[in-house]
């Protein structure tokens, strides 16, 4: 396993241990479809394929999470600052998904 892979897994571990519990919700994909969260899915992809080789699968997962988010919110167009409350069904990733903490 390469250094970037190990760093990505460590960052996911830190996120899951410290940030995710404070948010108090699961990602939209897991909320809509059940199964593993995006952080668990991305960690699995990194372990299986590596960060670089798995980047297409990772991007696809975040895209599916974004689609699940839109489905949960009736397909409304969401943009940062739109005032739409997304608490409870969002995830963090390379796709800007607005959420409120606290």
C-alpha atoms as a PDB file:
ATOM      1  CA  UNK A   1       0.000   0.000   0.000  1.00  0.00           C
ATOM      2  CA  UNK A   2       1.401   3.358  -1.030  1.00  0.00           C
ATOM      3  CA  UNK A   3       1.902   6.333   1.252  1.00  0.00           C
ATOM      4  CA  UNK A   4      -0.999   8.303  -0.306  1.00  0.00           C
ATOM      5  CA  UNK A   5      -3.254   5.273   0.266  1.00  0.00           C
ATOM      6  CA  UNK A   6      -2.215   5.072   3.921  1.00  0.00           C
ATOM      7  CA  UNK A   7      -2.722   8.825   4.347  1.00  0.00           C
ATOM      8  CA  UNK A   8      -6.184   8.640   2.763  1.00  0.00           C
ATOM      9  CA  UNK A   9      -7.183   5.781   5.071  1.00  0.00           C
ATOM     10  CA  UNK A  10      -5.834   7.677   8.088  1.00  0.00           C
ATOM     11  CA  UNK A  11      -7.825  10.777   7.065  1.00  0.00           C
ATOM     12  CA  UNK A  12     -10.977   8.682   6.672  1.00  0.00           C
ATOM     13  CA  UNK A  13     -10.361   7.144  10.093  1.00  0.00           C
ATOM     14  CA  UNK A  14      -9.976  10.594  11.668  1.00  0.00           C
ATOM     15  CA  UNK A  15     -13.119  11.808   9.911  1.00  0.00           C
ATOM     16  CA  UNK A  16     -15.111   8.785  11.056  1.00  0.00           C
ATOM     17  CA  UNK A  17     -13.844   9.021  14.613  1.00  0.00           C
ATOM     18  CA  UNK A  18     -14.017  12.766  15.231  1.00  0.00           C
ATOM     19  CA  UNK A  19     -16.180  14.602  12.668  1.00  0.00           C
ATOM     20  CA  UNK A  20     -18.858  12.107  11.673  1.00  0.00           C
ATOM     21  CA  UNK A  21     -20.178  11.513  15.227  1.00  0.00           C
ATOM     22  CA  UNK A  22     -20.543  15.278  15.723  1.00  0.00           C
ATOM     23  CA  UNK A  23     -22.660  15.581  12.584  1.00  0.00           C
ATOM     24  CA  UNK A  24     -25.155  13.061  13.915  1.00  0.00           C
ATOM     25  CA  UNK A  25     -26.197  11.595  10.556  1.00  0.00           C
ATOM     26  CA  UNK A  26     -25.278   9.207   7.786  1.00  0.00           C
ATOM     27  CA  UNK A  27     -24.492  10.075   4.207  1.00  0.00           C
ATOM     28  CA  UNK A  28     -27.423  10.407   1.824  1.00  0.00           C
ATOM     29  CA  UNK A  29     -26.543   7.217  -0.042  1.00  0.00           C
ATOM     30  CA  UNK A  30     -26.667   5.134   3.140  1.00  0.00           C
ATOM     31  CA  UNK A  31     -29.803   6.938   4.322  1.00  0.00           C
ATOM     32  CA  UNK A  32     -31.620   6.232   1.049  1.00  0.00           C
ATOM     33  CA  UNK A  33     -30.280   2.822   0.074  1.00  0.00           C
ATOM     34  CA  UNK A  34     -28.953   1.378   3.332  1.00  0.00           C
ATOM     35  CA  UNK A  35     -25.622  -0.391   3.360  1.00  0.00           C
ATOM     36  CA  UNK A  36     -22.282   1.212   3.935  1.00  0.00           C
ATOM     37  CA  UNK A  37     -21.669   4.927   4.237  1.00  0.00           C
ATOM     38  CA  UNK A  38     -19.531   6.831   1.761  1.00  0.00           C
ATOM     39  CA  UNK A  39     -16.602   6.892   4.172  1.00  0.00           C
ATOM     40  CA  UNK A  40     -16.783   3.091   4.539  1.00  0.00           C
ATOM     41  CA  UNK A  41     -17.164   2.640   0.778  1.00  0.00           C
ATOM     42  CA  UNK A  42     -14.241   4.922  -0.031  1.00  0.00           C
ATOM     43  CA  UNK A  43     -12.044   3.217   2.580  1.00  0.00           C
ATOM     44  CA  UNK A  44     -12.914  -0.151   1.024  1.00  0.00           C
ATOM     45  CA  UNK A  45     -12.126   1.132  -2.479  1.00  0.00           C
ATOM     46  CA  UNK A  46      -8.780   2.524  -1.323  1.00  0.00           C
ATOM     47  CA  UNK A  47      -7.918  -0.819   0.311  1.00  0.00           C
ATOM     48  CA  UNK A  48      -8.986  -2.789  -2.783  1.00  0.00           C
ATOM     49  CA  UNK A  49      -7.721  -0.585  -5.630  1.00  0.00           C
ATOM     50  CA  UNK A  50      -5.611   2.130  -4.105  1.00  0.00           C
ATOM     51  CA  UNK A  51      -6.402   5.834  -4.144  1.00  0.00           C
ATOM     52  CA  UNK A  52      -5.181   6.529  -7.666  1.00  0.00           C
ATOM     53  CA  UNK A  53      -6.612   3.440  -9.376  1.00  0.00           C
ATOM     54  CA  UNK A  54      -9.859   3.752  -7.415  1.00  0.00           C
ATOM     55  CA  UNK A  55     -10.480   7.414  -8.183  1.00  0.00           C
ATOM     56  CA  UNK A  56     -13.166   6.671 -10.795  1.00  0.00           C
ATOM     57  CA  UNK A  57     -15.042   4.390  -8.372  1.00  0.00           C
ATOM     58  CA  UNK A  58     -14.672   6.970  -5.594  1.00  0.00           C
ATOM     59  CA  UNK A  59     -16.015   9.748  -7.813  1.00  0.00           C
ATOM     60  CA  UNK A  60     -18.896   7.499  -8.865  1.00  0.00           C
ATOM     61  CA  UNK A  61     -19.771   6.832  -5.227  1.00  0.00           C
ATOM     62  CA  UNK A  62     -19.824  10.537  -4.387  1.00  0.00           C
ATOM     63  CA  UNK A  63     -21.934  11.138  -7.500  1.00  0.00           C
ATOM     64  CA  UNK A  64     -24.382   8.456  -6.352  1.00  0.00           C
ATOM     65  CA  UNK A  65     -24.470  10.071  -2.917  1.00  0.00           C
ATOM     66  CA  UNK A  66     -25.229  13.426  -4.505  1.00  0.00           C
ATOM     67  CA  UNK A  67     -28.070  11.839  -6.509  1.00  0.00           C
ATOM     68  CA  UNK A  68     -29.405  10.210  -3.322  1.00  0.00           C
ATOM     69  CA  UNK A  69     -29.221  13.578  -1.594  1.00  0.00           C
ATOM     70  CA  UNK A  70     -31.240  15.173  -4.385  1.00  0.00           C
ATOM     71  CA  UNK A  71     -33.772  12.336  -4.291  1.00  0.00           C
ATOM     72  CA  UNK A  72     -34.226  12.734  -0.552  1.00  0.00           C
ATOM     73  CA  UNK A  73     -34.852  16.435  -1.020  1.00  0.00           C
ATOM     74  CA  UNK A  74     -37.248  16.123  -3.914  1.00  0.00           C
ATOM     75  CA  UNK A  75     -34.652  16.875  -6.562  1.00  0.00           C
ATOM     76  CA  UNK A  76     -34.403  20.526  -5.574  1.00  0.00           C
ATOM     77  CA  UNK A  77     -31.399  22.402  -6.853  1.00  0.00           C
ATOM     78  CA  UNK A  78     -29.004  22.885  -3.999  1.00  0.00           C
ATOM     79  CA  UNK A  79     -26.212  25.377  -3.821  1.00  0.00           C
ATOM     80  CA  UNK A  80     -24.153  26.660  -0.968  1.00  0.00           C
ATOM     81  CA  UNK A  81     -25.998  29.469   0.679  1.00  0.00           C
ATOM     82  CA  UNK A  82     -29.344  28.400  -0.771  1.00  0.00           C
ATOM     83  CA  UNK A  83     -30.889  28.202   2.679  1.00  0.00           C
ATOM     84  CA  UNK A  84     -31.971  24.595   2.123  1.00  0.00           C
ATOM     85  CA  UNK A  85     -31.610  22.550   5.300  1.00  0.00           C
ATOM     86  CA  UNK A  86     -29.737  19.362   4.505  1.00  0.00           C
ATOM     87  CA  UNK A  87     -28.991  18.247   8.035  1.00  0.00           C
ATOM     88  CA  UNK A  88     -29.315  14.503   8.328  1.00  0.00           C
ATOM     89  CA  UNK A  89     -28.589  13.414   4.782  1.00  0.00           C
ATOM     90  CA  UNK A  90     -25.261  14.615   3.493  1.00  0.00           C
ATOM     91  CA  UNK A  91     -21.676  13.538   3.235  1.00  0.00           C
ATOM     92  CA  UNK A  92     -18.287  15.116   2.807  1.00  0.00           C
ATOM     93  CA  UNK A  93     -16.278  14.565  -0.309  1.00  0.00           C
ATOM     94  CA  UNK A  94     -14.957  16.241  -3.410  1.00  0.00           C
ATOM     95  CA  UNK A  95     -18.510  17.242  -4.424  1.00  0.00           C
ATOM     96  CA  UNK A  96     -19.723  20.348  -2.565  1.00  0.00           C
ATOM     97  CA  UNK A  97     -22.745  19.147  -0.596  1.00  0.00           C
ATOM     98  CA  UNK A  98     -24.045  21.862   1.710  1.00  0.00           C
ATOM     99  CA  UNK A  99     -24.652  20.970   5.324  1.00  0.00           C
ATOM    100  CA  UNK A 100     -24.979  22.661   8.648  1.00  0.00           C
ATOM    101  CA  UNK A 101     -23.126  21.614  11.754  1.00  0.00           C
ATOM    102  CA  UNK A 102     -24.296  22.498  15.199  1.00  0.00           C
END
